[in-house]
PDB file of all heavy atoms in Angstrom:
ATOM      1  N   SER A   1     -91.207 -15.735 117.691  1.00  0.00           N
ATOM      2  CA  SER A   1     -91.917 -16.988 117.440  1.00  0.00           C
ATOM      3  C   SER A   1     -91.924 -17.881 118.683  1.00  0.00           C
ATOM      4  O   SER A   1     -92.906 -18.570 118.955  1.00  0.00           O
ATOM      5  CB  SER A   1     -91.280 -17.719 116.260  1.00  0.00           C
ATOM      6  OG  SER A   1     -89.914 -17.996 116.519  1.00  0.00           O
ATOM      7  N   ALA A   2     -90.828 -17.870 119.447  1.00  0.00           N
ATOM      8  CA  ALA A   2     -90.798 -18.666 120.677  1.00  0.00           C
ATOM      9  C   ALA A   2     -91.805 -18.137 121.699  1.00  0.00           C
ATOM     10  O   ALA A   2     -92.491 -18.917 122.372  1.00  0.00           O
ATOM     11  CB  ALA A   2     -89.386 -18.657 121.268  1.00  0.00           C
ATOM     12  N   GLU A   3     -91.911 -16.808 121.808  1.00  0.00           N
ATOM     13  CA  GLU A   3     -92.894 -16.235 122.716  1.00  0.00           C
ATOM     14  C   GLU A   3     -94.316 -16.551 122.280  1.00  0.00           C
ATOM     15  O   GLU A   3     -95.195 -16.792 123.119  1.00  0.00           O
ATOM     16  CB  GLU A   3     -92.695 -14.719 122.805  1.00  0.00           C
ATOM     17  CG  GLU A   3     -91.448 -14.305 123.562  1.00  0.00           C
ATOM     18  CD  GLU A   3     -91.280 -12.797 123.606  1.00  0.00           C
ATOM     19  OE1 GLU A   3     -92.072 -12.103 122.902  1.00  0.00           O
ATOM     20  OE2 GLU A   3     -90.393 -12.311 124.317  1.00  0.00           O
ATOM     21  N   LEU A   4     -94.560 -16.575 120.970  1.00  0.00           N
ATOM     22  CA  LEU A   4     -95.884 -16.929 120.476  1.00  0.00           C
ATOM     23  C   LEU A   4     -96.244 -18.372 120.828  1.00  0.00           C
ATOM     24  O   LEU A   4     -97.368 -18.660 121.239  1.00  0.00           O
ATOM     25  CB  LEU A   4     -95.943 -16.730 118.961  1.00  0.00           C
ATOM     26  CG  LEU A   4     -97.280 -17.084 118.286  1.00  0.00           C
ATOM     27  CD1 LEU A   4     -98.407 -16.231 118.833  1.00  0.00           C
ATOM     28  CD2 LEU A   4     -97.163 -16.930 116.773  1.00  0.00           C
ATOM     29  N   GLY A   5     -95.286 -19.290 120.677  1.00  0.00           N
ATOM     30  CA  GLY A   5     -95.540 -20.669 121.056  1.00  0.00           C
ATOM     31  C   GLY A   5     -95.774 -20.832 122.545  1.00  0.00           C
ATOM     32  O   GLY A   5     -96.650 -21.602 122.957  1.00  0.00           O
ATOM     33  N   ILE A   6     -95.009 -20.106 123.367  1.00  0.00           N
ATOM     34  CA  ILE A   6     -95.199 -20.176 124.819  1.00  0.00           C
ATOM     35  C   ILE A   6     -96.560 -19.622 125.215  1.00  0.00           C
ATOM     36  O   ILE A   6     -97.284 -20.208 126.036  1.00  0.00           O
ATOM     37  CB  ILE A   6     -94.064 -19.417 125.529  1.00  0.00           C
ATOM     38  CG1 ILE A   6     -92.739 -20.148 125.353  1.00  0.00           C
ATOM     39  CG2 ILE A   6     -94.372 -19.244 127.012  1.00  0.00           C
ATOM     40  CD1 ILE A   6     -91.547 -19.404 125.897  1.00  0.00           C
ATOM     41  N   LYS A   7     -96.941 -18.496 124.629  1.00  0.00           N
ATOM     42  CA  LYS A   7     -98.234 -17.903 124.957  1.00  0.00           C
ATOM     43  C   LYS A   7     -99.387 -18.818 124.562  1.00  0.00           C
ATOM     44  O   LYS A   7    -100.348 -18.986 125.321  1.00  0.00           O
ATOM     45  CB  LYS A   7     -98.374 -16.548 124.258  1.00  0.00           C
ATOM     46  CG  LYS A   7     -97.475 -15.462 124.816  1.00  0.00           C
ATOM     47  CD  LYS A   7     -97.655 -14.153 124.057  1.00  0.00           C
ATOM     48  CE  LYS A   7     -96.739 -13.073 124.615  1.00  0.00           C
ATOM     49  NZ  LYS A   7     -96.898 -11.781 123.888  1.00  0.00           N
ATOM     50  N   THR A   8     -99.289 -19.422 123.398  1.00  0.00           N
ATOM     51  CA  THR A   8    -100.374 -20.281 122.928  1.00  0.00           C
ATOM     52  C   THR A   8    -100.525 -21.535 123.787  1.00  0.00           C
ATOM     53  O   THR A   8    -101.622 -21.880 124.231  1.00  0.00           O
ATOM     54  CB  THR A   8    -100.139 -20.679 121.467  1.00  0.00           C
ATOM     55  OG1 THR A   8     -99.966 -19.501 120.674  1.00  0.00           O
ATOM     56  CG2 THR A   8    -101.314 -21.470 120.923  1.00  0.00           C
ATOM     57  N   SER A   9     -99.413 -22.224 124.026  1.00  0.00           N
ATOM     58  CA  SER A   9     -99.481 -23.476 124.779  1.00  0.00           C
ATOM     59  C   SER A   9     -99.869 -23.254 126.229  1.00  0.00           C
ATOM     60  O   SER A   9    -100.707 -23.977 126.782  1.00  0.00           O
ATOM     61  CB  SER A   9     -98.133 -24.197 124.695  1.00  0.00           C
ATOM     62  OG  SER A   9     -97.089 -23.375 125.190  1.00  0.00           O
ATOM     63  N   THR A  10     -99.286 -22.239 126.874  1.00  0.00           N
ATOM     64  CA  THR A  10     -99.616 -21.993 128.278  1.00  0.00           C
ATOM     65  C   THR A  10    -101.040 -21.491 128.455  1.00  0.00           C
ATOM     66  O   THR A  10    -101.697 -21.816 129.449  1.00  0.00           O
ATOM     67  CB  THR A  10     -98.632 -20.981 128.877  1.00  0.00           C
ATOM     68  OG1 THR A  10     -98.611 -19.795 128.066  1.00  0.00           O
ATOM     69  CG2 THR A  10     -97.242 -21.563 128.961  1.00  0.00           C
ATOM     70  N   LEU A  11    -101.539 -20.712 127.479  1.00  0.00           N
ATOM     71  CA  LEU A  11    -102.911 -20.221 127.591  1.00  0.00           C
ATOM     72  C   LEU A  11    -103.914 -21.366 127.493  1.00  0.00           C
ATOM     73  O   LEU A  11    -104.877 -21.425 128.265  1.00  0.00           O
ATOM     74  CB  LEU A  11    -103.183 -19.184 126.506  1.00  0.00           C
ATOM     75  CG  LEU A  11    -104.556 -18.513 126.542  1.00  0.00           C
ATOM     76  CD1 LEU A  11    -104.745 -17.747 127.840  1.00  0.00           C
ATOM     77  CD2 LEU A  11    -104.742 -17.593 125.350  1.00  0.00           C
ATOM     78  N   ILE A  12    -103.692 -22.285 126.553  1.00  0.00           N
ATOM     79  CA  ILE A  12    -104.592 -23.436 126.429  1.00  0.00           C
ATOM     80  C   ILE A  12    -104.570 -24.272 127.692  1.00  0.00           C
ATOM     81  O   ILE A  12    -105.624 -24.663 128.229  1.00  0.00           O
ATOM     82  CB  ILE A  12    -104.202 -24.275 125.196  1.00  0.00           C
ATOM     83  CG1 ILE A  12    -104.462 -23.488 123.911  1.00  0.00           C
ATOM     84  CG2 ILE A  12    -104.963 -25.596 125.170  1.00  0.00           C
ATOM     85  CD1 ILE A  12    -103.974 -24.198 122.665  1.00  0.00           C
ATOM     86  N   PHE A  13    -103.383 -24.558 128.194  1.00  0.00           N
ATOM     87  CA  PHE A  13    -103.276 -25.391 129.393  1.00  0.00           C
ATOM     88  C   PHE A  13    -103.876 -24.708 130.608  1.00  0.00           C
ATOM     89  O   PHE A  13    -104.606 -25.331 131.394  1.00  0.00           O
ATOM     90  CB  PHE A  13    -101.804 -25.734 129.647  1.00  0.00           C
ATOM     91  CG  PHE A  13    -101.580 -26.489 130.915  1.00  0.00           C
ATOM     92  CD1 PHE A  13    -101.860 -27.842 130.989  1.00  0.00           C
ATOM     93  CD2 PHE A  13    -101.106 -25.844 132.055  1.00  0.00           C
ATOM     94  CE1 PHE A  13    -101.661 -28.547 132.167  1.00  0.00           C
ATOM     95  CE2 PHE A  13    -100.904 -26.538 133.229  1.00  0.00           C
ATOM     96  CZ  PHE A  13    -101.174 -27.895 133.291  1.00  0.00           C
ATOM     97  N   THR A  14    -103.591 -23.415 130.785  1.00  0.00           N
ATOM     98  CA  THR A  14    -104.071 -22.706 131.975  1.00  0.00           C
ATOM     99  C   THR A  14    -105.587 -22.596 131.989  1.00  0.00           C
ATOM    100  O   THR A  14    -106.227 -22.852 133.021  1.00  0.00           O
ATOM    101  CB  THR A  14    -103.444 -21.301 132.030  1.00  0.00           C
ATOM    102  OG1 THR A  14    -102.023 -21.417 132.020  1.00  0.00           O
ATOM    103  CG2 THR A  14    -103.875 -20.579 133.289  1.00  0.00           C
ATOM    104  N   VAL A  15    -106.175 -22.231 130.876  1.00  0.00           N
ATOM    105  CA  VAL A  15    -107.627 -22.035 130.822  1.00  0.00           C
ATOM    106  C   VAL A  15    -108.363 -23.342 131.063  1.00  0.00           C
ATOM    107  O   VAL A  15    -109.269 -23.434 131.910  1.00  0.00           O
ATOM    108  CB  VAL A  15    -108.024 -21.406 129.472  1.00  0.00           C
ATOM    109  CG1 VAL A  15    -109.541 -21.415 129.313  1.00  0.00           C
ATOM    110  CG2 VAL A  15    -107.498 -19.988 129.375  1.00  0.00           C
ATOM    111  N   ILE A  16    -107.980 -24.399 130.352  1.00  0.00           N
ATOM    112  CA  ILE A  16    -108.724 -25.658 130.438  1.00  0.00           C
ATOM    113  C   ILE A  16    -108.485 -26.351 131.772  1.00  0.00           C
ATOM    114  O   ILE A  16    -109.425 -26.803 132.436  1.00  0.00           O
ATOM    115  CB  ILE A  16    -108.350 -26.575 129.263  1.00  0.00           C
ATOM    116  CG1 ILE A  16    -108.731 -25.915 127.931  1.00  0.00           C
ATOM    117  CG2 ILE A  16    -109.042 -27.930 129.398  1.00  0.00           C
ATOM    118  CD1 ILE A  16    -108.368 -26.746 126.720  1.00  0.00           C
ATOM    119  N   HIS A  17    -107.234 -26.430 132.212  1.00  0.00           N
ATOM    120  CA  HIS A  17    -106.943 -27.203 133.421  1.00  0.00           C
ATOM    121  C   HIS A  17    -107.429 -26.500 134.685  1.00  0.00           C
ATOM    122  O   HIS A  17    -107.873 -27.161 135.628  1.00  0.00           O
ATOM    123  CB  HIS A  17    -105.441 -27.460 133.523  1.00  0.00           C
ATOM    124  CG  HIS A  17    -105.073 -28.419 134.601  1.00  0.00           C
ATOM    125  ND1 HIS A  17    -105.534 -29.718 134.643  1.00  0.00           N
ATOM    126  CD2 HIS A  17    -104.314 -28.255 135.729  1.00  0.00           C
ATOM    127  CE1 HIS A  17    -105.060 -30.331 135.717  1.00  0.00           C
ATOM    128  NE2 HIS A  17    -104.324 -29.466 136.384  1.00  0.00           N
ATOM    129  N   SER A  18    -107.346 -25.170 134.725  1.00  0.00           N
ATOM    130  CA  SER A  18    -107.830 -24.463 135.916  1.00  0.00           C
ATOM    131  C   SER A  18    -109.334 -24.609 136.074  1.00  0.00           C
ATOM    132  O   SER A  18    -109.848 -24.855 137.177  1.00  0.00           O
ATOM    133  CB  SER A  18    -107.443 -22.987 135.838  1.00  0.00           C
ATOM    134  OG  SER A  18    -108.016 -22.372 134.696  1.00  0.00           O
ATOM    135  N   VAL A  19    -110.063 -24.492 134.965  1.00  0.00           N
ATOM    136  CA  VAL A  19    -111.522 -24.661 135.025  1.00  0.00           C
ATOM    137  C   VAL A  19    -111.879 -26.103 135.355  1.00  0.00           C
ATOM    138  O   VAL A  19    -112.793 -26.367 136.151  1.00  0.00           O
ATOM    139  CB  VAL A  19    -112.156 -24.216 133.695  1.00  0.00           C
ATOM    140  CG1 VAL A  19    -113.645 -24.507 133.692  1.00  0.00           C
ATOM    141  CG2 VAL A  19    -111.912 -22.730 133.465  1.00  0.00           C
ATOM    142  N   ASN A  20    -111.161 -27.053 134.761  1.00  0.00           N
ATOM    143  CA  ASN A  20    -111.435 -28.460 135.054  1.00  0.00           C
ATOM    144  C   ASN A  20    -111.152 -28.784 136.514  1.00  0.00           C
ATOM    145  O   ASN A  20    -111.878 -29.570 137.147  1.00  0.00           O
ATOM    146  CB  ASN A  20    -110.595 -29.345 134.148  1.00  0.00           C
ATOM    147  CG  ASN A  20    -110.819 -30.812 134.400  1.00  0.00           C
ATOM    148  OD1 ASN A  20    -111.945 -31.289 134.409  1.00  0.00           O
ATOM    149  ND2 ASN A  20    -109.748 -31.551 134.599  1.00  0.00           N
ATOM    150  N   LEU A  21    -110.126 -28.174 137.083  1.00  0.00           N
ATOM    151  CA  LEU A  21    -109.764 -28.441 138.473  1.00  0.00           C
ATOM    152  C   LEU A  21    -110.841 -27.961 139.436  1.00  0.00           C
ATOM    153  O   LEU A  21    -111.130 -28.623 140.443  1.00  0.00           O
ATOM    154  CB  LEU A  21    -108.424 -27.778 138.795  1.00  0.00           C
ATOM    155  CG  LEU A  21    -107.610 -28.358 139.963  1.00  0.00           C
ATOM    156  CD1 LEU A  21    -107.261 -29.811 139.682  1.00  0.00           C
ATOM    157  CD2 LEU A  21    -106.338 -27.549 140.166  1.00  0.00           C
ATOM    158  N   ILE A  22    -111.451 -26.831 139.157  1.00  0.00           N
ATOM    159  CA  ILE A  22    -112.509 -26.338 140.041  1.00  0.00           C
ATOM    160  C   ILE A  22    -113.804 -27.116 139.838  1.00  0.00           C
ATOM    161  O   ILE A  22    -114.572 -27.316 140.784  1.00  0.00           O
ATOM    162  CB  ILE A  22    -112.732 -24.828 139.835  1.00  0.00           C
ATOM    163  CG1 ILE A  22    -113.689 -24.280 140.897  1.00  0.00           C
ATOM    164  CG2 ILE A  22    -113.280 -24.528 138.468  1.00  0.00           C
ATOM    165  CD1 ILE A  22    -113.889 -22.789 140.822  1.00  0.00           C
ATOM    166  N   LEU A  23    -114.048 -27.603 138.625  1.00  0.00           N
ATOM    167  CA  LEU A  23    -115.291 -28.328 138.374  1.00  0.00           C
ATOM    168  C   LEU A  23    -115.283 -29.716 138.996  1.00  0.00           C
ATOM    169  O   LEU A  23    -116.328 -30.191 139.450  1.00  0.00           O
ATOM    170  CB  LEU A  23    -115.549 -28.434 136.872  1.00  0.00           C
ATOM    171  CG  LEU A  23    -115.944 -27.141 136.163  1.00  0.00           C
ATOM    172  CD1 LEU A  23    -116.113 -27.382 134.669  1.00  0.00           C
ATOM    173  CD2 LEU A  23    -117.225 -26.567 136.738  1.00  0.00           C
ATOM    174  N   ILE A  24    -114.118 -30.383 139.039  1.00  0.00           N
ATOM    175  CA  ILE A  24    -114.087 -31.729 139.596  1.00  0.00           C
ATOM    176  C   ILE A  24    -114.027 -31.720 141.119  1.00  0.00           C
ATOM    177  O   ILE A  24    -114.237 -32.761 141.749  1.00  0.00           O
ATOM    178  CB  ILE A  24    -112.896 -32.532 139.044  1.00  0.00           C
ATOM    179  CG1 ILE A  24    -111.568 -31.909 139.471  1.00  0.00           C
ATOM    180  CG2 ILE A  24    -112.988 -32.662 137.551  1.00  0.00           C
ATOM    181  CD1 ILE A  24    -110.354 -32.704 139.022  1.00  0.00           C
ATOM    182  N   THR A  25    -113.778 -30.557 141.735  1.00  0.00           N
ATOM    183  CA  THR A  25    -113.690 -30.489 143.194  1.00  0.00           C
ATOM    184  C   THR A  25    -114.794 -29.651 143.828  1.00  0.00           C
ATOM    185  O   THR A  25    -114.824 -29.534 145.056  1.00  0.00           O
ATOM    186  CB  THR A  25    -112.326 -29.903 143.622  1.00  0.00           C
ATOM    187  OG1 THR A  25    -112.149 -28.609 143.041  1.00  0.00           O
ATOM    188  CG2 THR A  25    -111.194 -30.809 143.180  1.00  0.00           C
ATOM    189  N   THR A  26    -115.673 -29.079 143.038  1.00  0.00           N
ATOM    190  CA  THR A  26    -116.722 -28.197 143.569  1.00  0.00           C
ATOM    191  C   THR A  26    -118.073 -28.640 143.030  1.00  0.00           C
ATOM    192  O   THR A  26    -118.234 -28.746 141.807  1.00  0.00           O
ATOM    193  CB  THR A  26    -116.463 -26.737 143.179  1.00  0.00           C
ATOM    194  OG1 THR A  26    -115.111 -26.393 143.496  1.00  0.00           O
ATOM    195  CG2 THR A  26    -117.398 -25.811 143.935  1.00  0.00           C
ATOM    196  N   PRO A  27    -119.053 -28.875 143.889  1.00  0.00           N
ATOM    197  CA  PRO A  27    -120.390 -29.229 143.400  1.00  0.00           C
ATOM    198  C   PRO A  27    -121.012 -28.079 142.611  1.00  0.00           C
ATOM    199  O   PRO A  27    -120.702 -26.905 142.853  1.00  0.00           O
ATOM    200  CB  PRO A  27    -121.183 -29.509 144.696  1.00  0.00           C
ATOM    201  CG  PRO A  27    -120.148 -29.775 145.737  1.00  0.00           C
ATOM    202  CD  PRO A  27    -118.956 -28.951 145.357  1.00  0.00           C
ATOM    203  N   PRO A  28    -121.860 -28.378 141.643  1.00  0.00           N
ATOM    204  CA  PRO A  28    -122.497 -27.301 140.870  1.00  0.00           C
ATOM    205  C   PRO A  28    -123.308 -26.349 141.737  1.00  0.00           C
ATOM    206  O   PRO A  28    -123.371 -25.148 141.444  1.00  0.00           O
ATOM    207  CB  PRO A  28    -123.389 -28.057 139.883  1.00  0.00           C
ATOM    208  CG  PRO A  28    -122.779 -29.414 139.772  1.00  0.00           C
ATOM    209  CD  PRO A  28    -122.203 -29.705 141.113  1.00  0.00           C
ATOM    210  N   GLU A  29    -123.911 -26.858 142.804  1.00  0.00           N
ATOM    211  CA  GLU A  29    -124.699 -25.981 143.691  1.00  0.00           C
ATOM    212  C   GLU A  29    -123.816 -24.929 144.352  1.00  0.00           C
ATOM    213  O   GLU A  29    -124.223 -23.764 144.491  1.00  0.00           O
ATOM    214  CB  GLU A  29    -125.406 -26.816 144.758  1.00  0.00           C
ATOM    215  CG  GLU A  29    -126.473 -27.749 144.213  1.00  0.00           C
ATOM    216  CD  GLU A  29    -125.908 -29.053 143.701  1.00  0.00           C
ATOM    217  OE1 GLU A  29    -124.681 -29.239 143.826  1.00  0.00           O
ATOM    218  OE2 GLU A  29    -126.687 -29.874 143.178  1.00  0.00           O
ATOM    219  N   ASP A  30    -122.599 -25.327 144.747  1.00  0.00           N
ATOM    220  CA  ASP A  30    -121.684 -24.365 145.374  1.00  0.00           C
ATOM    221  C   ASP A  30    -121.230 -23.300 144.382  1.00  0.00           C
ATOM    222  O   ASP A  30    -121.115 -22.113 144.732  1.00  0.00           O
ATOM    223  CB  ASP A  30    -120.472 -25.093 145.948  1.00  0.00           C
ATOM    224  CG  ASP A  30    -120.839 -26.037 147.080  1.00  0.00           C
ATOM    225  OD1 ASP A  30    -122.043 -26.079 147.439  1.00  0.00           O
ATOM    226  OD2 ASP A  30    -119.956 -26.729 147.597  1.00  0.00           O
ATOM    227  N   LEU A  31    -120.961 -23.703 143.139  1.00  0.00           N
ATOM    228  CA  LEU A  31    -120.553 -22.732 142.126  1.00  0.00           C
ATOM    229  C   LEU A  31    -121.670 -21.740 141.821  1.00  0.00           C
ATOM    230  O   LEU A  31    -121.430 -20.529 141.703  1.00  0.00           O
ATOM    231  CB  LEU A  31    -120.142 -23.456 140.849  1.00  0.00           C
ATOM    232  CG  LEU A  31    -118.816 -24.200 140.870  1.00  0.00           C
ATOM    233  CD1 LEU A  31    -118.598 -24.933 139.557  1.00  0.00           C
ATOM    234  CD2 LEU A  31    -117.668 -23.235 141.127  1.00  0.00           C
ATOM    235  N   VAL A  32    -122.893 -22.248 141.712  1.00  0.00           N
ATOM    236  CA  VAL A  32    -124.021 -21.359 141.423  1.00  0.00           C
ATOM    237  C   VAL A  32    -124.226 -20.384 142.585  1.00  0.00           C
ATOM    238  O   VAL A  32    -124.492 -19.188 142.372  1.00  0.00           O
ATOM    239  CB  VAL A  32    -125.287 -22.196 141.167  1.00  0.00           C
ATOM    240  CG1 VAL A  32    -126.518 -21.305 141.092  1.00  0.00           C
ATOM    241  CG2 VAL A  32    -125.132 -22.972 139.874  1.00  0.00           C
ATOM    242  N   TRP A  33    -124.090 -20.866 143.814  1.00  0.00           N
ATOM    243  CA  TRP A  33    -124.249 -19.972 144.967  1.00  0.00           C
ATOM    244  C   TRP A  33    -123.162 -18.897 144.979  1.00  0.00           C
ATOM    245  O   TRP A  33    -123.434 -17.722 145.278  1.00  0.00           O
ATOM    246  CB  TRP A  33    -124.195 -20.774 146.259  1.00  0.00           C
ATOM    247  CG  TRP A  33    -124.296 -19.916 147.484  1.00  0.00           C
ATOM    248  CD1 TRP A  33    -125.431 -19.435 148.067  1.00  0.00           C
ATOM    249  CD2 TRP A  33    -123.200 -19.390 148.254  1.00  0.00           C
ATOM    250  NE1 TRP A  33    -125.120 -18.659 149.157  1.00  0.00           N
ATOM    251  CE2 TRP A  33    -123.760 -18.612 149.290  1.00  0.00           C
ATOM    252  CE3 TRP A  33    -121.820 -19.511 148.177  1.00  0.00           C
ATOM    253  CZ2 TRP A  33    -122.981 -17.964 150.245  1.00  0.00           C
ATOM    254  CZ3 TRP A  33    -121.033 -18.858 149.117  1.00  0.00           C
ATOM    255  CH2 TRP A  33    -121.608 -18.103 150.121  1.00  0.00           C
ATOM    256  N   ALA A  34    -121.913 -19.268 144.664  1.00  0.00           N
ATOM    257  CA  ALA A  34    -120.820 -18.294 144.656  1.00  0.00           C
ATOM    258  C   ALA A  34    -121.024 -17.248 143.568  1.00  0.00           C
ATOM    259  O   ALA A  34    -120.806 -16.047 143.793  1.00  0.00           O
ATOM    260  CB  ALA A  34    -119.485 -19.012 144.468  1.00  0.00           C
ATOM    261  N   ILE A  35    -121.449 -17.680 142.380  1.00  0.00           N
ATOM    262  CA  ILE A  35    -121.714 -16.716 141.306  1.00  0.00           C
ATOM    263  C   ILE A  35    -122.861 -15.792 141.688  1.00  0.00           C
ATOM    264  O   ILE A  35    -122.821 -14.576 141.435  1.00  0.00           O
ATOM    265  CB  ILE A  35    -122.008 -17.468 139.995  1.00  0.00           C
ATOM    266  CG1 ILE A  35    -120.762 -18.237 139.545  1.00  0.00           C
ATOM    267  CG2 ILE A  35    -122.450 -16.510 138.900  1.00  0.00           C
ATOM    268  CD1 ILE A  35    -120.997 -19.126 138.343  1.00  0.00           C
ATOM    269  N   ARG A  36    -123.883 -16.354 142.312  1.00  0.00           N
ATOM    270  CA  ARG A  36    -125.020 -15.544 142.777  1.00  0.00           C
ATOM    271  C   ARG A  36    -124.572 -14.540 143.828  1.00  0.00           C
ATOM    272  O   ARG A  36    -125.056 -13.394 143.849  1.00  0.00           O
ATOM    273  CB  ARG A  36    -126.102 -16.481 143.327  1.00  0.00           C
ATOM    274  CG  ARG A  36    -127.228 -15.798 144.098  1.00  0.00           C
ATOM    275  CD  ARG A  36    -128.071 -14.923 143.185  1.00  0.00           C
ATOM    276  NE  ARG A  36    -129.214 -14.384 143.875  1.00  0.00           N
ATOM    277  CZ  ARG A  36    -129.184 -13.348 144.715  1.00  0.00           C
ATOM    278  NH1 ARG A  36    -128.020 -12.739 144.944  1.00  0.00           N
ATOM    279  NH2 ARG A  36    -130.275 -12.905 145.284  1.00  0.00           N
ATOM    280  N   TRP A  37    -123.626 -14.899 144.658  1.00  0.00           N
ATOM    281  CA  TRP A  37    -123.128 -13.989 145.697  1.00  0.00           C
ATOM    282  C   TRP A  37    -122.361 -12.828 145.073  1.00  0.00           C
ATOM    283  O   TRP A  37    -122.490 -11.685 145.521  1.00  0.00           O
ATOM    284  CB  TRP A  37    -122.232 -14.761 146.655  1.00  0.00           C
ATOM    285  CG  TRP A  37    -121.767 -13.964 147.826  1.00  0.00           C
ATOM    286  CD1 TRP A  37    -122.424 -13.766 149.013  1.00  0.00           C
ATOM    287  CD2 TRP A  37    -120.537 -13.221 147.931  1.00  0.00           C
ATOM    288  NE1 TRP A  37    -121.677 -12.967 149.841  1.00  0.00           N
ATOM    289  CE2 TRP A  37    -120.514 -12.612 149.199  1.00  0.00           C
ATOM    290  CE3 TRP A  37    -119.461 -13.028 147.075  1.00  0.00           C
ATOM    291  CZ2 TRP A  37    -119.457 -11.831 149.630  1.00  0.00           C
ATOM    292  CZ3 TRP A  37    -118.403 -12.230 147.487  1.00  0.00           C
ATOM    293  CH2 TRP A  37    -118.401 -11.646 148.753  1.00  0.00           C
ATOM    294  N   PHE A  38    -121.564 -13.095 144.043  1.00  0.00           N
ATOM    295  CA  PHE A  38    -120.787 -12.033 143.404  1.00  0.00           C
ATOM    296  C   PHE A  38    -121.689 -11.053 142.654  1.00  0.00           C
ATOM    297  O   PHE A  38    -121.394  -9.856 142.596  1.00  0.00           O
ATOM    298  CB  PHE A  38    -119.751 -12.631 142.449  1.00  0.00           C
ATOM    299  CG  PHE A  38    -118.493 -13.095 143.131  1.00  0.00           C
ATOM    300  CD1 PHE A  38    -118.184 -14.448 143.184  1.00  0.00           C
ATOM    301  CD2 PHE A  38    -117.630 -12.205 143.714  1.00  0.00           C
ATOM    302  CE1 PHE A  38    -117.030 -14.875 143.808  1.00  0.00           C
ATOM    303  CE2 PHE A  38    -116.471 -12.614 144.346  1.00  0.00           C
ATOM    304  CZ  PHE A  38    -116.172 -13.972 144.393  1.00  0.00           C
ATOM    305  N   PHE A  39    -122.768 -11.549 142.067  1.00  0.00           N
ATOM    306  CA  PHE A  39    -123.648 -10.699 141.277  1.00  0.00           C
ATOM    307  C   PHE A  39    -124.867 -10.229 142.068  1.00  0.00           C
ATOM    308  O   PHE A  39    -125.847  -9.777 141.470  1.00  0.00           O
ATOM    309  CB  PHE A  39    -124.120 -11.450 140.028  1.00  0.00           C
ATOM    310  CG  PHE A  39    -123.054 -11.642 138.995  1.00  0.00           C
ATOM    311  CD1 PHE A  39    -122.337 -12.816 138.935  1.00  0.00           C
ATOM    312  CD2 PHE A  39    -122.759 -10.635 138.089  1.00  0.00           C
ATOM    313  CE1 PHE A  39    -121.354 -13.004 137.980  1.00  0.00           C
ATOM    314  CE2 PHE A  39    -121.775 -10.804 137.139  1.00  0.00           C
ATOM    315  CZ  PHE A  39    -121.057 -11.995 137.082  1.00  0.00           C
ATOM    316  N   ALA A  40    -124.804 -10.323 143.381  1.00  0.00           N
ATOM    317  CA  ALA A  40    -125.932  -9.897 144.213  1.00  0.00           C
ATOM    318  C   ALA A  40    -126.304  -8.426 144.032  1.00  0.00           C
ATOM    319  O   ALA A  40    -127.500  -8.091 144.083  1.00  0.00           O
ATOM    320  CB  ALA A  40    -125.632 -10.193 145.688  1.00  0.00           C
ATOM    321  N   PRO A  41    -125.347  -7.497 143.818  1.00  0.00           N
ATOM    322  CA  PRO A  41    -125.754  -6.088 143.609  1.00  0.00           C
ATOM    323  C   PRO A  41    -126.651  -5.865 142.396  1.00  0.00           C
ATOM    324  O   PRO A  41    -127.349  -4.849 142.325  1.00  0.00           O
ATOM    325  CB  PRO A  41    -124.415  -5.353 143.454  1.00  0.00           C
ATOM    326  CG  PRO A  41    -123.428  -6.198 144.180  1.00  0.00           C
ATOM    327  CD  PRO A  41    -123.881  -7.600 143.948  1.00  0.00           C
ATOM    328  N   LEU A  42    -126.668  -6.808 141.447  1.00  0.00           N
ATOM    329  CA  LEU A  42    -127.517  -6.625 140.267  1.00  0.00           C
ATOM    330  C   LEU A  42    -129.001  -6.757 140.589  1.00  0.00           C
ATOM    331  O   LEU A  42    -129.841  -6.362 139.780  1.00  0.00           O
ATOM    332  CB  LEU A  42    -127.139  -7.637 139.180  1.00  0.00           C
ATOM    333  CG  LEU A  42    -125.738  -7.483 138.567  1.00  0.00           C
ATOM    334  CD1 LEU A  42    -125.501  -8.562 137.528  1.00  0.00           C
ATOM    335  CD2 LEU A  42    -125.559  -6.099 137.949  1.00  0.00           C
TER     336      LEU A  42
END
């Protein structure tokens, strides 16, 4: 049960805060260009 609580709380914090951190420091144009660069082989 302790591992379940740790997994749940850390997963919520990691997912939301990491994405929020990149969004507040990166312009949308830069993110779109980076995604376009990764999917260029398509």
